[in-house]
Amino acid sequence: MKDAAHDNACPFEDIAAYLDGELHGEELHIFEVHVEMCKECAGELRTQRQLLCTIDVALTDPMPFCLPKDFTRVVAVHAESDLSRIRNRTERRRALQLCAMLALGAFGLLGAAASSLVFQPVRTLLQLVARVSDLLWQTTYDAGIGLVVILRMVGRSLFANPGGLGLLLAALFAFAISLLLRLIANYHRAQI
């Protein structure tokens, strides 16, 4: 009964086992009898033997495939000539336009994910720049207001009091003397 079932269904998986020498005893005899009667299995066995022979010849060929002497130079020259158009200004402009269209297409396909991945860091950076510039502006404004208040108070005390002008002149004279002494000391140091 087993032989009849074996005859009706071609044992293609047994062909590889037969070629590898894995069939023994009764299995080997049944397979060989089947191959003698079945033209399809005989053809498949012949095809696989030819494939194995071809692989054997290819792997045992003593002459390996040799490249021409100037193969790398020829490939480099062809690569440079193929890239020569990229050096052209119009070609670079086209490449830039293509990249921009691809980027817009990617953003469009990504949708909301693109806004959170790309635009959120830009938005955060712009907020940081705005806060720093606001801090600098506020600091400059407050320093200017403070200076105006101090100058107003000094001006009132100098011009409102009769001796205030003299006090201002004395302060300016003391400042001028200290600058003169410093200038003389720098001059003597430069000469040594």
N, C-alpha and C. Protein backbone atom coordinates (compact mmCIF):
# COMPACT_ATOMS: atom_id res chain seq x y z
N MET A 1 0.82 -1.19 0.00
CA MET A 1 0.00 0.00 0.00
C MET A 1 0.87 1.25 0.00
N LYS A 2 1.98 1.11 0.73
CA LYS A 2 2.89 2.25 0.81
C LYS A 2 3.51 2.54 -0.55
N ASP A 3 3.82 1.47 -1.31
CA ASP A 3 4.43 1.65 -2.63
C ASP A 3 3.48 2.35 -3.59
N ALA A 4 2.22 2.04 -3.53
CA ALA A 4 1.24 2.65 -4.44
C ALA A 4 1.09 4.13 -4.13
N ALA A 5 1.06 4.45 -2.83
CA ALA A 5 0.95 5.87 -2.45
C ALA A 5 2.21 6.61 -2.84
N HIS A 6 3.33 5.89 -2.71
CA HIS A 6 4.61 6.51 -3.04
C HIS A 6 4.71 6.75 -4.54
N ASP A 7 4.15 5.85 -5.34
CA ASP A 7 4.19 5.98 -6.79
C ASP A 7 3.31 7.12 -7.27
N ASN A 8 2.15 7.33 -6.63
CA ASN A 8 1.22 8.36 -7.08
C ASN A 8 1.72 9.76 -6.79
N ALA A 9 2.38 9.93 -5.69
CA ALA A 9 2.89 11.26 -5.34
C ALA A 9 4.39 11.27 -5.56
N CYS A 10 4.88 12.13 -6.45
CA CYS A 10 6.32 12.17 -6.76
C CYS A 10 7.08 12.71 -5.55
N PRO A 11 8.10 11.99 -5.12
CA PRO A 11 8.87 12.39 -3.93
C PRO A 11 10.00 13.36 -4.27
N PHE A 12 9.65 14.61 -4.58
CA PHE A 12 10.67 15.59 -4.98
C PHE A 12 11.67 15.86 -3.86
N GLU A 13 11.20 15.79 -2.60
CA GLU A 13 12.12 16.04 -1.49
C GLU A 13 13.14 14.92 -1.36
N ASP A 14 12.80 13.72 -1.87
CA ASP A 14 13.74 12.59 -1.81
C ASP A 14 14.86 12.73 -2.83
N ILE A 15 14.68 13.57 -3.85
CA ILE A 15 15.72 13.76 -4.87
C ILE A 15 16.96 14.37 -4.22
N ALA A 16 16.77 15.42 -3.41
CA ALA A 16 17.91 16.05 -2.74
C ALA A 16 18.55 15.08 -1.76
N ALA A 17 17.73 14.29 -1.04
CA ALA A 17 18.27 13.30 -0.10
C ALA A 17 19.06 12.23 -0.84
N TYR A 18 18.57 11.82 -2.03
CA TYR A 18 19.27 10.81 -2.84
C TYR A 18 20.63 11.35 -3.29
N LEU A 19 20.65 12.60 -3.77
CA LEU A 19 21.91 13.19 -4.24
C LEU A 19 22.90 13.40 -3.09
N ASP A 20 22.40 13.64 -1.90
CA ASP A 20 23.27 13.83 -0.74
C ASP A 20 23.70 12.52 -0.11
N GLY A 21 23.15 11.38 -0.58
CA GLY A 21 23.50 10.07 -0.05
C GLY A 21 22.82 9.76 1.27
N GLU A 22 21.65 10.34 1.50
CA GLU A 22 20.95 10.15 2.76
C GLU A 22 19.92 9.02 2.70
N LEU A 23 19.63 8.45 1.52
CA LEU A 23 18.68 7.35 1.40
C LEU A 23 19.43 6.02 1.52
N HIS A 24 18.86 5.09 2.32
CA HIS A 24 19.51 3.80 2.54
C HIS A 24 18.46 2.69 2.48
N GLY A 25 18.92 1.50 2.16
CA GLY A 25 18.08 0.31 2.24
C GLY A 25 16.87 0.36 1.33
N GLU A 26 15.72 0.07 1.92
CA GLU A 26 14.46 -0.02 1.17
C GLU A 26 14.05 1.31 0.57
N GLU A 27 14.31 2.43 1.29
CA GLU A 27 13.97 3.76 0.76
C GLU A 27 14.74 4.03 -0.53
N LEU A 28 16.01 3.66 -0.56
CA LEU A 28 16.84 3.85 -1.74
C LEU A 28 16.31 3.03 -2.90
N HIS A 29 15.95 1.79 -2.65
CA HIS A 29 15.43 0.91 -3.70
C HIS A 29 14.10 1.44 -4.24
N ILE A 30 13.19 1.86 -3.35
CA ILE A 30 11.89 2.40 -3.78
C ILE A 30 12.08 3.65 -4.64
N PHE A 31 13.02 4.53 -4.23
CA PHE A 31 13.25 5.78 -4.99
C PHE A 31 13.80 5.46 -6.37
N GLU A 32 14.77 4.57 -6.46
CA GLU A 32 15.37 4.24 -7.75
C GLU A 32 14.35 3.61 -8.70
N VAL A 33 13.48 2.74 -8.17
CA VAL A 33 12.42 2.14 -8.99
C VAL A 33 11.46 3.22 -9.49
N HIS A 34 11.11 4.15 -8.60
CA HIS A 34 10.19 5.24 -8.97
C HIS A 34 10.80 6.10 -10.07
N VAL A 35 12.08 6.44 -9.95
CA VAL A 35 12.74 7.31 -10.94
C VAL A 35 12.80 6.61 -12.30
N GLU A 36 12.97 5.28 -12.33
CA GLU A 36 13.00 4.56 -13.61
C GLU A 36 11.65 4.60 -14.31
N MET A 37 10.53 4.67 -13.52
CA MET A 37 9.20 4.66 -14.13
C MET A 37 8.65 6.07 -14.35
N CYS A 38 9.11 7.05 -13.59
CA CYS A 38 8.53 8.43 -13.65
C CYS A 38 9.47 9.33 -14.43
N LYS A 39 9.00 9.81 -15.59
CA LYS A 39 9.83 10.70 -16.42
C LYS A 39 10.03 12.06 -15.75
N GLU A 40 9.01 12.54 -15.03
CA GLU A 40 9.11 13.84 -14.37
C GLU A 40 10.20 13.82 -13.29
N CYS A 41 10.23 12.79 -12.46
CA CYS A 41 11.24 12.69 -11.40
C CYS A 41 12.63 12.45 -12.01
N ALA A 42 12.70 11.68 -13.11
CA ALA A 42 13.99 11.44 -13.77
C ALA A 42 14.54 12.76 -14.32
N GLY A 43 13.67 13.60 -14.91
CA GLY A 43 14.09 14.90 -15.42
C GLY A 43 14.55 15.83 -14.29
N GLU A 44 13.82 15.82 -13.18
CA GLU A 44 14.19 16.65 -12.04
C GLU A 44 15.53 16.19 -11.46
N LEU A 45 15.75 14.89 -11.38
CA LEU A 45 17.02 14.35 -10.88
C LEU A 45 18.16 14.77 -11.80
N ARG A 46 17.94 14.68 -13.11
CA ARG A 46 18.95 15.08 -14.09
C ARG A 46 19.27 16.58 -13.95
N THR A 47 18.23 17.42 -13.78
CA THR A 47 18.42 18.88 -13.63
C THR A 47 19.22 19.20 -12.38
N GLN A 48 18.90 18.53 -11.28
CA GLN A 48 19.62 18.83 -10.04
C GLN A 48 21.07 18.33 -10.10
N ARG A 49 21.31 17.21 -10.79
CA ARG A 49 22.69 16.73 -10.97
C ARG A 49 23.49 17.73 -11.80
N GLN A 50 22.88 18.26 -12.87
CA GLN A 50 23.56 19.25 -13.71
C GLN A 50 23.87 20.51 -12.90
N LEU A 51 22.93 20.92 -12.05
CA LEU A 51 23.16 22.10 -11.21
C LEU A 51 24.33 21.87 -10.26
N LEU A 52 24.36 20.70 -9.64
CA LEU A 52 25.46 20.38 -8.75
C LEU A 52 26.79 20.34 -9.49
N CYS A 53 26.80 19.78 -10.70
CA CYS A 53 28.03 19.74 -11.49
C CYS A 53 28.48 21.15 -11.86
N THR A 54 27.54 22.01 -12.24
CA THR A 54 27.87 23.39 -12.60
C THR A 54 28.45 24.13 -11.40
N ILE A 55 27.86 23.94 -10.24
CA ILE A 55 28.37 24.58 -9.02
C ILE A 55 29.76 24.06 -8.69
N ASP A 56 29.96 22.74 -8.84
CA ASP A 56 31.28 22.16 -8.58
C ASP A 56 32.33 22.76 -9.50
N VAL A 57 32.02 22.85 -10.79
CA VAL A 57 32.97 23.41 -11.75
C VAL A 57 33.26 24.87 -11.43
N ALA A 58 32.23 25.63 -11.06
CA ALA A 58 32.42 27.06 -10.78
C ALA A 58 33.27 27.27 -9.54
N LEU A 59 33.10 26.41 -8.55
CA LEU A 59 33.85 26.59 -7.30
C LEU A 59 35.24 26.00 -7.35
N THR A 60 35.48 25.06 -8.24
CA THR A 60 36.81 24.44 -8.31
C THR A 60 37.61 24.95 -9.49
N ASP A 61 37.14 25.94 -10.21
CA ASP A 61 37.85 26.50 -11.35
C ASP A 61 39.15 27.14 -10.86
N PRO A 62 40.32 26.70 -11.37
CA PRO A 62 41.59 27.25 -10.87
C PRO A 62 41.84 28.69 -11.30
N MET A 63 41.22 29.14 -12.39
CA MET A 63 41.44 30.51 -12.85
C MET A 63 40.33 31.40 -12.32
N PRO A 64 40.64 32.21 -11.31
CA PRO A 64 39.62 33.13 -10.81
C PRO A 64 39.39 34.26 -11.81
N PHE A 65 38.29 34.91 -11.61
CA PHE A 65 37.94 36.03 -12.47
C PHE A 65 38.89 37.19 -12.20
N CYS A 66 39.55 37.70 -13.21
CA CYS A 66 40.52 38.78 -13.04
C CYS A 66 39.96 40.07 -13.64
N LEU A 67 40.17 41.14 -12.90
CA LEU A 67 39.76 42.46 -13.37
C LEU A 67 40.87 43.05 -14.22
N PRO A 68 40.53 43.91 -15.17
CA PRO A 68 41.59 44.58 -15.94
C PRO A 68 42.47 45.44 -15.03
N LYS A 69 43.69 45.74 -15.51
CA LYS A 69 44.64 46.50 -14.70
C LYS A 69 44.09 47.87 -14.28
N ASP A 70 43.50 48.59 -15.20
CA ASP A 70 43.05 49.95 -14.93
C ASP A 70 41.55 50.01 -14.60
N PHE A 71 41.02 48.96 -14.01
CA PHE A 71 39.58 48.88 -13.72
C PHE A 71 39.13 50.02 -12.79
N THR A 72 39.86 50.25 -11.70
CA THR A 72 39.46 51.30 -10.75
C THR A 72 39.54 52.69 -11.38
N ARG A 73 40.55 52.92 -12.22
CA ARG A 73 40.66 54.22 -12.87
C ARG A 73 39.50 54.45 -13.83
N VAL A 74 39.13 53.42 -14.57
CA VAL A 74 38.01 53.53 -15.52
C VAL A 74 36.72 53.81 -14.76
N VAL A 75 36.50 53.09 -13.67
CA VAL A 75 35.28 53.30 -12.88
C VAL A 75 35.26 54.71 -12.31
N ALA A 76 36.42 55.20 -11.81
CA ALA A 76 36.49 56.55 -11.25
C ALA A 76 36.21 57.61 -12.32
N VAL A 77 36.76 57.42 -13.52
CA VAL A 77 36.53 58.37 -14.61
C VAL A 77 35.05 58.40 -14.99
N HIS A 78 34.44 57.23 -15.09
CA HIS A 78 33.01 57.19 -15.42
C HIS A 78 32.17 57.83 -14.33
N ALA A 79 32.54 57.61 -13.08
CA ALA A 79 31.79 58.22 -11.97
C ALA A 79 31.92 59.73 -12.01
N GLU A 80 33.13 60.24 -12.27
CA GLU A 80 33.31 61.69 -12.35
C GLU A 80 32.55 62.29 -13.51
N SER A 81 32.56 61.61 -14.65
CA SER A 81 31.84 62.16 -15.81
C SER A 81 30.33 62.11 -15.58
N ASP A 82 29.85 61.12 -14.83
CA ASP A 82 28.43 61.06 -14.52
C ASP A 82 28.02 62.15 -13.55
N LEU A 83 28.94 62.59 -12.68
CA LEU A 83 28.64 63.63 -11.70
C LEU A 83 28.97 65.03 -12.19
N SER A 84 29.49 65.17 -13.42
CA SER A 84 29.90 66.48 -13.90
C SER A 84 28.72 67.44 -14.02
N ARG A 85 27.53 66.93 -14.29
CA ARG A 85 26.37 67.81 -14.42
C ARG A 85 25.95 68.40 -13.08
N ILE A 86 26.32 67.75 -11.99
CA ILE A 86 25.93 68.27 -10.67
C ILE A 86 26.68 69.56 -10.37
N ARG A 87 27.84 69.73 -10.98
CA ARG A 87 28.61 70.94 -10.74
C ARG A 87 27.98 72.16 -11.40
N ASN A 88 27.06 71.96 -12.30
CA ASN A 88 26.39 73.03 -13.00
C ASN A 88 25.41 73.73 -12.05
N ARG A 89 25.30 75.04 -12.15
CA ARG A 89 24.43 75.82 -11.25
C ARG A 89 22.96 75.45 -11.42
N THR A 90 22.52 75.25 -12.65
CA THR A 90 21.11 74.90 -12.85
C THR A 90 20.80 73.51 -12.28
N GLU A 91 21.76 72.62 -12.37
CA GLU A 91 21.54 71.27 -11.83
C GLU A 91 21.44 71.32 -10.30
N ARG A 92 22.27 72.16 -9.67
CA ARG A 92 22.19 72.31 -8.21
C ARG A 92 20.85 72.93 -7.81
N ARG A 93 20.39 73.89 -8.60
CA ARG A 93 19.10 74.53 -8.30
C ARG A 93 17.97 73.51 -8.42
N ARG A 94 18.03 72.67 -9.45
CA ARG A 94 17.02 71.62 -9.60
C ARG A 94 17.06 70.64 -8.43
N ALA A 95 18.27 70.28 -8.01
CA ALA A 95 18.41 69.36 -6.88
C ALA A 95 17.84 69.98 -5.61
N LEU A 96 18.09 71.27 -5.40
CA LEU A 96 17.56 71.96 -4.23
C LEU A 96 16.03 72.02 -4.28
N GLN A 97 15.47 72.31 -5.46
CA GLN A 97 14.03 72.33 -5.60
C GLN A 97 13.42 70.96 -5.36
N LEU A 98 14.07 69.94 -5.87
CA LEU A 98 13.59 68.58 -5.65
C LEU A 98 13.62 68.22 -4.18
N CYS A 99 14.70 68.59 -3.49
CA CYS A 99 14.79 68.31 -2.04
C CYS A 99 13.70 69.06 -1.28
N ALA A 100 13.45 70.30 -1.67
CA ALA A 100 12.41 71.08 -0.99
C ALA A 100 11.04 70.45 -1.22
N MET A 101 10.78 70.01 -2.45
CA MET A 101 9.48 69.36 -2.72
C MET A 101 9.35 68.06 -1.94
N LEU A 102 10.43 67.29 -1.86
CA LEU A 102 10.39 66.05 -1.09
C LEU A 102 10.17 66.33 0.40
N ALA A 103 10.81 67.38 0.92
CA ALA A 103 10.62 67.73 2.33
C ALA A 103 9.18 68.15 2.58
N LEU A 104 8.61 68.97 1.70
CA LEU A 104 7.22 69.37 1.86
C LEU A 104 6.28 68.18 1.77
N GLY A 105 6.59 67.28 0.85
CA GLY A 105 5.77 66.06 0.74
C GLY A 105 5.86 65.21 1.99
N ALA A 106 7.07 65.11 2.54
CA ALA A 106 7.23 64.33 3.78
C ALA A 106 6.47 64.97 4.92
N PHE A 107 6.55 66.30 5.03
CA PHE A 107 5.80 67.00 6.09
C PHE A 107 4.30 66.81 5.89
N GLY A 108 3.88 66.87 4.65
CA GLY A 108 2.45 66.68 4.38
C GLY A 108 1.99 65.27 4.73
N LEU A 109 2.82 64.28 4.43
CA LEU A 109 2.45 62.91 4.76
C LEU A 109 2.51 62.63 6.25
N LEU A 110 3.45 63.27 6.92
CA LEU A 110 3.56 63.05 8.36
C LEU A 110 2.47 63.76 9.15
N GLY A 111 1.97 64.86 8.61
CA GLY A 111 0.86 65.56 9.23
C GLY A 111 1.19 66.11 10.60
N ALA A 112 0.42 65.73 11.59
CA ALA A 112 0.57 66.26 12.94
C ALA A 112 1.89 65.84 13.56
N ALA A 113 2.40 64.70 13.18
CA ALA A 113 3.68 64.26 13.73
C ALA A 113 4.80 65.20 13.30
N ALA A 114 4.73 65.72 12.06
CA ALA A 114 5.75 66.65 11.60
C ALA A 114 5.73 67.93 12.39
N SER A 115 4.54 68.40 12.75
CA SER A 115 4.47 69.64 13.50
C SER A 115 5.07 69.48 14.89
N SER A 116 4.87 68.34 15.50
CA SER A 116 5.43 68.16 16.84
C SER A 116 6.92 67.84 16.78
N LEU A 117 7.38 67.16 15.72
CA LEU A 117 8.79 66.80 15.63
C LEU A 117 9.67 67.93 15.11
N VAL A 118 9.16 68.72 14.19
CA VAL A 118 9.98 69.74 13.55
C VAL A 118 9.65 71.13 14.07
N PHE A 119 8.38 71.48 14.11
CA PHE A 119 8.00 72.84 14.45
C PHE A 119 8.07 73.12 15.94
N GLN A 120 7.88 72.13 16.78
CA GLN A 120 7.93 72.36 18.23
C GLN A 120 9.32 72.80 18.69
N PRO A 121 10.42 72.16 18.24
CA PRO A 121 11.74 72.67 18.65
C PRO A 121 12.01 74.08 18.13
N VAL A 122 11.55 74.39 16.92
CA VAL A 122 11.74 75.74 16.38
C VAL A 122 10.94 76.75 17.21
N ARG A 123 9.71 76.38 17.55
CA ARG A 123 8.87 77.25 18.37
C ARG A 123 9.51 77.49 19.74
N THR A 124 10.07 76.44 20.34
CA THR A 124 10.73 76.56 21.64
C THR A 124 11.95 77.46 21.54
N LEU A 125 12.73 77.32 20.48
CA LEU A 125 13.90 78.16 20.27
C LEU A 125 13.50 79.63 20.12
N LEU A 126 12.45 79.89 19.35
CA LEU A 126 11.99 81.26 19.16
C LEU A 126 11.48 81.85 20.47
N GLN A 127 10.81 81.06 21.29
CA GLN A 127 10.34 81.54 22.60
C GLN A 127 11.52 81.88 23.50
N LEU A 128 12.57 81.05 23.45
CA LEU A 128 13.76 81.31 24.26
C LEU A 128 14.44 82.60 23.82
N VAL A 129 14.57 82.81 22.51
CA VAL A 129 15.18 84.03 21.99
C VAL A 129 14.34 85.25 22.39
N ALA A 130 13.02 85.12 22.32
CA ALA A 130 12.14 86.22 22.70
C ALA A 130 12.29 86.55 24.19
N ARG A 131 12.40 85.55 25.03
CA ARG A 131 12.56 85.80 26.47
C ARG A 131 13.89 86.47 26.79
N VAL A 132 14.97 86.01 26.14
CA VAL A 132 16.28 86.61 26.38
C VAL A 132 16.30 88.06 25.90
N SER A 133 15.75 88.30 24.70
CA SER A 133 15.73 89.69 24.21
C SER A 133 14.83 90.57 25.09
N ASP A 134 13.73 90.04 25.60
CA ASP A 134 12.87 90.79 26.51
C ASP A 134 13.62 91.13 27.81
N LEU A 135 14.39 90.16 28.31
CA LEU A 135 15.19 90.39 29.53
C LEU A 135 16.22 91.49 29.29
N LEU A 136 16.92 91.42 28.13
CA LEU A 136 17.92 92.46 27.83
C LEU A 136 17.26 93.84 27.68
N TRP A 137 16.14 93.90 27.01
CA TRP A 137 15.44 95.17 26.84
C TRP A 137 14.98 95.73 28.17
N GLN A 138 14.40 94.88 29.01
CA GLN A 138 13.89 95.32 30.31
C GLN A 138 15.04 95.81 31.20
N THR A 139 16.19 95.10 31.17
CA THR A 139 17.36 95.50 31.96
C THR A 139 17.88 96.85 31.48
N THR A 140 17.99 97.04 30.19
CA THR A 140 18.47 98.32 29.64
C THR A 140 17.50 99.45 29.99
N TYR A 141 16.23 99.20 29.87
CA TYR A 141 15.22 100.21 30.17
C TYR A 141 15.28 100.61 31.65
N ASP A 142 15.35 99.62 32.55
CA ASP A 142 15.40 99.91 33.99
C ASP A 142 16.68 100.65 34.36
N ALA A 143 17.82 100.28 33.74
CA ALA A 143 19.08 100.99 34.02
C ALA A 143 18.99 102.43 33.55
N GLY A 144 18.39 102.66 32.39
CA GLY A 144 18.22 104.03 31.89
C GLY A 144 17.33 104.85 32.81
N ILE A 145 16.22 104.28 33.28
CA ILE A 145 15.31 105.00 34.20
C ILE A 145 16.04 105.32 35.50
N GLY A 146 16.81 104.36 36.02
CA GLY A 146 17.57 104.60 37.26
C GLY A 146 18.58 105.72 37.09
N LEU A 147 19.28 105.73 35.97
CA LEU A 147 20.27 106.79 35.71
C LEU A 147 19.60 108.15 35.61
N VAL A 148 18.45 108.21 34.97
CA VAL A 148 17.71 109.49 34.85
C VAL A 148 17.30 109.98 36.24
N VAL A 149 16.82 109.08 37.10
CA VAL A 149 16.41 109.47 38.44
C VAL A 149 17.60 109.99 39.23
N ILE A 150 18.73 109.32 39.16
CA ILE A 150 19.93 109.75 39.89
C ILE A 150 20.39 111.11 39.39
N LEU A 151 20.44 111.28 38.08
CA LEU A 151 20.88 112.58 37.53
C LEU A 151 19.92 113.69 37.92
N ARG A 152 18.65 113.41 37.96
CA ARG A 152 17.67 114.42 38.37
C ARG A 152 17.90 114.85 39.82
N MET A 153 18.13 113.86 40.69
CA MET A 153 18.35 114.17 42.10
C MET A 153 19.65 114.95 42.29
N VAL A 154 20.70 114.56 41.60
CA VAL A 154 21.97 115.28 41.70
C VAL A 154 21.81 116.69 41.14
N GLY A 155 21.12 116.81 40.04
CA GLY A 155 20.89 118.13 39.45
C GLY A 155 20.09 119.03 40.37
N ARG A 156 19.08 118.54 41.00
CA ARG A 156 18.28 119.34 41.94
C ARG A 156 19.12 119.78 43.13
N SER A 157 19.92 118.83 43.66
CA SER A 157 20.70 119.19 44.85
C SER A 157 21.79 120.19 44.49
N LEU A 158 22.33 120.13 43.27
CA LEU A 158 23.39 121.06 42.88
C LEU A 158 22.84 122.45 42.56
N PHE A 159 21.76 122.50 41.82
CA PHE A 159 21.27 123.80 41.37
C PHE A 159 20.28 124.42 42.35
N ALA A 160 19.65 123.66 43.18
CA ALA A 160 18.70 124.20 44.15
C ALA A 160 19.43 124.85 45.32
N ASN A 161 20.55 124.29 45.73
CA ASN A 161 21.35 124.86 46.83
C ASN A 161 22.35 125.87 46.26
N PRO A 162 22.60 126.98 46.97
CA PRO A 162 23.55 127.96 46.45
C PRO A 162 24.97 127.41 46.42
N GLY A 163 25.34 126.52 47.32
CA GLY A 163 26.70 125.98 47.34
C GLY A 163 26.84 124.73 46.50
N GLY A 164 25.80 124.31 45.87
CA GLY A 164 25.80 123.08 45.10
C GLY A 164 26.68 123.15 43.87
N LEU A 165 26.74 124.33 43.22
CA LEU A 165 27.56 124.49 42.04
C LEU A 165 29.03 124.40 42.41
N GLY A 166 29.38 124.95 43.53
CA GLY A 166 30.77 124.87 44.00
C GLY A 166 31.15 123.42 44.30
N LEU A 167 30.22 122.68 44.90
CA LEU A 167 30.48 121.28 45.20
C LEU A 167 30.70 120.49 43.92
N LEU A 168 29.94 120.78 42.88
CA LEU A 168 30.10 120.10 41.60
C LEU A 168 31.46 120.42 41.00
N LEU A 169 31.87 121.70 41.05
CA LEU A 169 33.17 122.09 40.50
C LEU A 169 34.30 121.43 41.29
N ALA A 170 34.16 121.31 42.59
CA ALA A 170 35.19 120.68 43.42
C ALA A 170 35.29 119.18 43.08
N ALA A 171 34.17 118.53 42.85
CA ALA A 171 34.19 117.11 42.49
C ALA A 171 34.84 116.91 41.13
N LEU A 172 34.55 117.80 40.18
CA LEU A 172 35.16 117.71 38.86
C LEU A 172 36.66 117.96 38.95
N PHE A 173 37.09 118.91 39.77
CA PHE A 173 38.51 119.20 39.95
C PHE A 173 39.23 117.99 40.56
N ALA A 174 38.64 117.36 41.56
CA ALA A 174 39.25 116.19 42.19
C ALA A 174 39.35 115.04 41.18
N PHE A 175 38.36 114.88 40.37
CA PHE A 175 38.38 113.85 39.34
C PHE A 175 39.47 114.13 38.32
N ALA A 176 39.62 115.37 37.91
CA ALA A 176 40.65 115.75 36.94
C ALA A 176 42.04 115.51 37.52
N ILE A 177 42.24 115.83 38.79
CA ILE A 177 43.55 115.62 39.44
C ILE A 177 43.87 114.12 39.47
N SER A 178 42.88 113.28 39.81
CA SER A 178 43.15 111.84 39.88
C SER A 178 43.49 111.29 38.49
N LEU A 179 42.83 111.79 37.45
CA LEU A 179 43.17 111.36 36.09
C LEU A 179 44.57 111.81 35.70
N LEU A 180 44.96 113.04 36.11
CA LEU A 180 46.29 113.56 35.79
C LEU A 180 47.36 112.72 36.47
N LEU A 181 47.16 112.36 37.74
CA LEU A 181 48.13 111.54 38.45
C LEU A 181 48.28 110.15 37.79
N ARG A 182 47.19 109.62 37.38
CA ARG A 182 47.23 108.31 36.72
C ARG A 182 47.96 108.39 35.38
N LEU A 183 47.71 109.47 34.64
CA LEU A 183 48.38 109.67 33.36
C LEU A 183 49.88 109.81 33.55
N ILE A 184 50.30 110.53 34.56
CA ILE A 184 51.74 110.71 34.84
C ILE A 184 52.36 109.36 35.23
N ALA A 185 51.67 108.58 36.05
CA ALA A 185 52.20 107.29 36.46
C ALA A 185 52.33 106.34 35.26
N ASN A 186 51.38 106.34 34.37
CA ASN A 186 51.46 105.52 33.16
C ASN A 186 52.59 105.96 32.25
N TYR A 187 52.83 107.27 32.21
CA TYR A 187 53.90 107.80 31.36
C TYR A 187 55.27 107.35 31.89
N HIS A 188 55.45 107.41 33.22
CA HIS A 188 56.74 107.00 33.81
C HIS A 188 56.94 105.49 33.66
N ARG A 189 55.89 104.69 33.76
CA ARG A 189 56.01 103.24 33.58
C ARG A 189 56.38 102.90 32.13
N ALA A 190 55.85 103.65 31.20
CA ALA A 190 56.12 103.39 29.78
C ALA A 190 57.57 103.70 29.45
N GLN A 191 58.17 104.67 30.14
CA GLN A 191 59.57 105.06 29.87
C GLN A 191 60.55 104.04 30.46
N ILE A 192 60.18 103.38 31.53
CA ILE A 192 61.09 102.39 32.16
C ILE A 192 61.08 101.16 31.30
